[in-house]
Amino acid sequence: HQTPWQSKKADQIFVSVIDASGSMYSYWKSVAKHFNEYVPKQKAITITFDHRTFECKENRLQDDIYKHGGSMTNIPNAFQLMDQKLAEYPVEQPATVLFISDGQDNNLNTLEERLQKLKGHQGRSITFLCLGILSNFPTFLSMYLRELYHN
């Protein structure tokens, strides 16, 4: 089968923003296995996060969530790092962003306010994909991020 990012231009950047907080612990090995199997490793940026952010230079996930986080959650911090990394590439270079999370955040009451500080697509063509883990993933989060980044 062909995934969306395989049919795009060869110069496209593939960015993964992956929740590695403690609430993802039960799902981590499955996420890591499928990520490593299906997601491109070339022209890619892989960011994992809990309340901190980490760039995975090898674009592969370890089976041990604690190599990527494993603690509290701050979703906007991860997208701030993504904005910084994308700014290193010309705005004409398109990107696909894959966000994988259960949508839990240390402070859901201020999440929308903190998301409003993100830069968004900044004129870059971005295809935004969201993989929400579990049925209680907050719909507003995927809709807000999609509106901010997808164009």
C-alpha atoms as a PDB file:
ATOM      1  CA  HIS A   1       0.000   0.000   0.000  1.00  0.00           C
ATOM      2  CA  GLN A   2       1.043   3.586  -0.507  1.00  0.00           C
ATOM      3  CA  THR A   3       1.041   6.040   2.376  1.00  0.00           C
ATOM      4  CA  PRO A   4       0.222   9.745   1.789  1.00  0.00           C
ATOM      5  CA  TRP A   5       3.825  10.889   2.230  1.00  0.00           C
ATOM      6  CA  GLN A   6       5.128   8.413  -0.368  1.00  0.00           C
ATOM      7  CA  SER A   7       3.064   9.994  -3.129  1.00  0.00           C
ATOM      8  CA  LYS A   8       4.225  13.559  -2.466  1.00  0.00           C
ATOM      9  CA  LYS A   9       7.198  15.454  -3.857  1.00  0.00           C
ATOM     10  CA  ALA A  10      10.613  13.962  -3.121  1.00  0.00           C
ATOM     11  CA  ASP A  11      11.796  17.122  -1.326  1.00  0.00           C
ATOM     12  CA  GLN A  12       9.034  16.982   1.267  1.00  0.00           C
ATOM     13  CA  ILE A  13       9.896  16.939   4.980  1.00  0.00           C
ATOM     14  CA  PHE A  14       8.172  14.363   7.178  1.00  0.00           C
ATOM     15  CA  VAL A  15       7.757  15.505  10.789  1.00  0.00           C
ATOM     16  CA  SER A  16       6.572  13.249  13.591  1.00  0.00           C
ATOM     17  CA  VAL A  17       5.458  14.691  16.926  1.00  0.00           C
ATOM     18  CA  ILE A  18       4.977  11.782  19.315  1.00  0.00           C
ATOM     19  CA  ASP A  19       3.622  11.813  22.835  1.00  0.00           C
ATOM     20  CA  ALA A  20       5.976   9.848  25.092  1.00  0.00           C
ATOM     21  CA  SER A  21       4.379  10.862  28.372  1.00  0.00           C
ATOM     22  CA  GLY A  22       3.518   8.440  31.152  1.00  0.00           C
ATOM     23  CA  SER A  23      -0.101   8.121  29.996  1.00  0.00           C
ATOM     24  CA  MET A  24       1.180   6.582  26.732  1.00  0.00           C
ATOM     25  CA  TYR A  25       3.132   3.858  28.568  1.00  0.00           C
ATOM     26  CA  SER A  26       0.680   1.018  27.824  1.00  0.00           C
ATOM     27  CA  TYR A  27       0.661   1.809  24.092  1.00  0.00           C
ATOM     28  CA  TRP A  28       4.293   2.764  23.598  1.00  0.00           C
ATOM     29  CA  LYS A  29       5.709  -0.538  22.342  1.00  0.00           C
ATOM     30  CA  SER A  30       2.997  -0.773  19.694  1.00  0.00           C
ATOM     31  CA  VAL A  31       3.458   2.880  18.675  1.00  0.00           C
ATOM     32  CA  ALA A  32       7.239   2.408  18.436  1.00  0.00           C
ATOM     33  CA  LYS A  33       6.942  -0.817  16.431  1.00  0.00           C
ATOM     34  CA  HIS A  34       4.528   0.636  13.867  1.00  0.00           C
ATOM     35  CA  PHE A  35       6.342   3.960  13.697  1.00  0.00           C
ATOM     36  CA  ASN A  36       9.660   2.252  12.991  1.00  0.00           C
ATOM     37  CA  GLU A  37       8.047   0.025  10.385  1.00  0.00           C
ATOM     38  CA  TYR A  38       6.056   2.589   8.394  1.00  0.00           C
ATOM     39  CA  VAL A  39       7.386   6.108   8.864  1.00  0.00           C
ATOM     40  CA  PRO A  40      10.123   7.473   6.577  1.00  0.00           C
ATOM     41  CA  LYS A  41      13.595   7.935   8.002  1.00  0.00           C
ATOM     42  CA  GLN A  42      15.018  10.210   5.287  1.00  0.00           C
ATOM     43  CA  LYS A  43      14.152  13.927   5.150  1.00  0.00           C
ATOM     44  CA  ALA A  44      12.467  13.412   8.496  1.00  0.00           C
ATOM     45  CA  ILE A  45      12.288  15.096  11.863  1.00  0.00           C
ATOM     46  CA  THR A  46      11.150  13.039  14.836  1.00  0.00           C
ATOM     47  CA  ILE A  47      10.163  14.800  18.045  1.00  0.00           C
ATOM     48  CA  THR A  48       9.069  12.984  21.187  1.00  0.00           C
ATOM     49  CA  PHE A  49       7.793  14.751  24.254  1.00  0.00           C
ATOM     50  CA  ASP A  50       6.538  14.544  27.767  1.00  0.00           C
ATOM     51  CA  HIS A  51       6.889  17.850  29.675  1.00  0.00           C
ATOM     52  CA  ARG A  52      10.244  18.102  27.877  1.00  0.00           C
ATOM     53  CA  THR A  53      10.975  17.780  24.168  1.00  0.00           C
ATOM     54  CA  PHE A  54      13.486  15.505  22.472  1.00  0.00           C
ATOM     55  CA  GLU A  55      14.629  15.278  18.869  1.00  0.00           C
ATOM     56  CA  CYS A  56      15.344  11.709  17.765  1.00  0.00           C
ATOM     57  CA  LYS A  57      18.201  12.238  15.319  1.00  0.00           C
ATOM     58  CA  GLU A  58      18.058   8.616  14.111  1.00  0.00           C
ATOM     59  CA  ASN A  59      14.273   8.925  13.419  1.00  0.00           C
ATOM     60  CA  ARG A  60      13.614   5.630  15.179  1.00  0.00           C
ATOM     61  CA  LEU A  61      11.836   5.002  18.458  1.00  0.00           C
ATOM     62  CA  GLN A  62      13.230   2.817  21.224  1.00  0.00           C
ATOM     63  CA  ASP A  63      10.886   0.261  22.830  1.00  0.00           C
ATOM     64  CA  ASP A  64      11.579   1.847  26.212  1.00  0.00           C
ATOM     65  CA  ILE A  65       9.366   4.941  26.580  1.00  0.00           C
ATOM     66  CA  TYR A  66      11.771   6.317  29.195  1.00  0.00           C
ATOM     67  CA  LYS A  67      14.378   6.849  26.446  1.00  0.00           C
ATOM     68  CA  HIS A  68      11.925   9.408  24.988  1.00  0.00           C
ATOM     69  CA  GLY A  69      10.172  10.797  28.060  1.00  0.00           C
ATOM     70  CA  GLY A  70       7.778   8.920  30.328  1.00  0.00           C
ATOM     71  CA  SER A  71       6.761  11.741  32.617  1.00  0.00           C
ATOM     72  CA  MET A  72       4.159  14.552  32.630  1.00  0.00           C
ATOM     73  CA  THR A  73       2.782  16.080  29.394  1.00  0.00           C
ATOM     74  CA  ASN A  74       3.118  19.480  27.713  1.00  0.00           C
ATOM     75  CA  ILE A  75       1.790  19.288  24.149  1.00  0.00           C
ATOM     76  CA  PRO A  76       2.483  22.913  23.066  1.00  0.00           C
ATOM     77  CA  ASN A  77       6.201  22.546  23.912  1.00  0.00           C
ATOM     78  CA  ALA A  78       6.508  19.823  21.276  1.00  0.00           C
ATOM     79  CA  PHE A  79       4.931  21.997  18.587  1.00  0.00           C
ATOM     80  CA  GLN A  80       7.184  24.911  19.538  1.00  0.00           C
ATOM     81  CA  LEU A  81      10.184  22.673  18.813  1.00  0.00           C
ATOM     82  CA  MET A  82       8.542  21.531  15.563  1.00  0.00           C
ATOM     83  CA  ASP A  83       8.056  25.180  14.535  1.00  0.00           C
ATOM     84  CA  GLN A  84      11.752  25.841  15.224  1.00  0.00           C
ATOM     85  CA  LYS A  85      12.864  22.791  13.223  1.00  0.00           C
ATOM     86  CA  LEU A  86      10.627  23.603  10.245  1.00  0.00           C
ATOM     87  CA  ALA A  87      11.971  27.173  10.234  1.00  0.00           C
ATOM     88  CA  GLU A  88      15.378  25.689   9.302  1.00  0.00           C
ATOM     89  CA  TYR A  89      13.946  24.718   5.885  1.00  0.00           C
ATOM     90  CA  PRO A  90      12.747  27.015   3.088  1.00  0.00           C
ATOM     91  CA  VAL A  91       9.030  27.819   3.430  1.00  0.00           C
ATOM     92  CA  GLU A  92       8.541  26.526  -0.133  1.00  0.00           C
ATOM     93  CA  GLN A  93       9.478  23.030   1.017  1.00  0.00           C
ATOM     94  CA  PRO A  94       6.232  21.173   1.851  1.00  0.00           C
ATOM     95  CA  ALA A  95       5.835  19.044   4.953  1.00  0.00           C
ATOM     96  CA  THR A  96       3.692  16.269   6.324  1.00  0.00           C
ATOM     97  CA  VAL A  97       3.193  16.323  10.087  1.00  0.00           C
ATOM     98  CA  LEU A  98       2.121  13.203  11.974  1.00  0.00           C
ATOM     99  CA  PHE A  99       0.949  13.853  15.545  1.00  0.00           C
ATOM    100  CA  ILE A 100       0.495  10.776  17.754  1.00  0.00           C
ATOM    101  CA  SER A 101      -0.955  11.312  21.232  1.00  0.00           C
ATOM    102  CA  ASP A 102      -3.636  10.360  23.707  1.00  0.00           C
ATOM    103  CA  GLY A 103      -4.333  14.090  24.054  1.00  0.00           C
ATOM    104  CA  GLN A 104      -3.632  14.236  27.767  1.00  0.00           C
ATOM    105  CA  ASP A 105      -1.868  17.378  28.971  1.00  0.00           C
ATOM    106  CA  ASN A 106      -0.698  18.504  32.416  1.00  0.00           C
ATOM    107  CA  ASN A 107      -3.163  21.367  32.310  1.00  0.00           C
ATOM    108  CA  LEU A 108      -6.095  20.857  29.946  1.00  0.00           C
ATOM    109  CA  ASN A 109      -7.682  24.038  31.355  1.00  0.00           C
ATOM    110  CA  THR A 110      -4.969  26.214  29.781  1.00  0.00           C
ATOM    111  CA  LEU A 111      -4.163  24.039  26.759  1.00  0.00           C
ATOM    112  CA  GLU A 112      -6.050  26.119  24.206  1.00  0.00           C
ATOM    113  CA  GLU A 113      -4.486  29.343  25.520  1.00  0.00           C
ATOM    114  CA  ARG A 114      -1.000  27.802  25.248  1.00  0.00           C
ATOM    115  CA  LEU A 115      -1.717  26.450  21.753  1.00  0.00           C
ATOM    116  CA  GLN A 116      -2.597  29.972  20.600  1.00  0.00           C
ATOM    117  CA  LYS A 117       1.078  30.921  21.018  1.00  0.00           C
ATOM    118  CA  LEU A 118       2.169  28.477  18.278  1.00  0.00           C
ATOM    119  CA  LYS A 119       3.235  29.803  14.870  1.00  0.00           C
ATOM    120  CA  GLY A 120       1.225  27.525  12.604  1.00  0.00           C
ATOM    121  CA  HIS A 121       2.048  26.812   8.960  1.00  0.00           C
ATOM    122  CA  GLN A 122       3.645  30.229   8.280  1.00  0.00           C
ATOM    123  CA  GLY A 123       2.800  29.903   4.565  1.00  0.00           C
ATOM    124  CA  ARG A 124       4.300  26.413   4.234  1.00  0.00           C
ATOM    125  CA  SER A 125       2.210  23.704   2.600  1.00  0.00           C
ATOM    126  CA  ILE A 126       1.559  21.223   5.422  1.00  0.00           C
ATOM    127  CA  THR A 127      -0.493  18.061   5.460  1.00  0.00           C
ATOM    128  CA  PHE A 128      -1.441  17.511   9.098  1.00  0.00           C
ATOM    129  CA  LEU A 129      -2.275  13.985  10.281  1.00  0.00           C
ATOM    130  CA  CYS A 130      -3.451  13.222  13.805  1.00  0.00           C
ATOM    131  CA  LEU A 131      -3.506   9.761  15.313  1.00  0.00           C
ATOM    132  CA  GLY A 132      -5.498  10.015  18.551  1.00  0.00           C
ATOM    133  CA  ILE A 133      -4.894   7.153  20.967  1.00  0.00           C
ATOM    134  CA  LEU A 134      -8.060   5.966  22.771  1.00  0.00           C
ATOM    135  CA  SER A 135     -11.609   7.204  22.436  1.00  0.00           C
ATOM    136  CA  ASN A 136     -11.258  10.048  24.937  1.00  0.00           C
ATOM    137  CA  PHE A 137      -8.767  11.968  22.763  1.00  0.00           C
ATOM    138  CA  PRO A 138      -9.996  15.596  22.925  1.00  0.00           C
ATOM    139  CA  THR A 139     -11.514  16.405  19.520  1.00  0.00           C
ATOM    140  CA  PHE A 140     -10.876  20.129  19.971  1.00  0.00           C
ATOM    141  CA  LEU A 141      -7.135  19.412  20.087  1.00  0.00           C
ATOM    142  CA  SER A 142      -6.976  17.687  16.706  1.00  0.00           C
ATOM    143  CA  MET A 143      -9.304  20.262  15.142  1.00  0.00           C
ATOM    144  CA  TYR A 144      -7.323  23.196  16.558  1.00  0.00           C
ATOM    145  CA  LEU A 145      -3.952  21.822  15.449  1.00  0.00           C
ATOM    146  CA  ARG A 146      -5.306  20.892  12.018  1.00  0.00           C
ATOM    147  CA  GLU A 147      -6.674  24.419  11.535  1.00  0.00           C
ATOM    148  CA  LEU A 148      -3.373  25.910  12.678  1.00  0.00           C
ATOM    149  CA  TYR A 149      -1.070  23.756  10.535  1.00  0.00           C
ATOM    150  CA  HIS A 150      -2.970  22.077   7.672  1.00  0.00           C
ATOM    151  CA  ASN A 151      -3.289  24.064   4.445  1.00  0.00           C
END
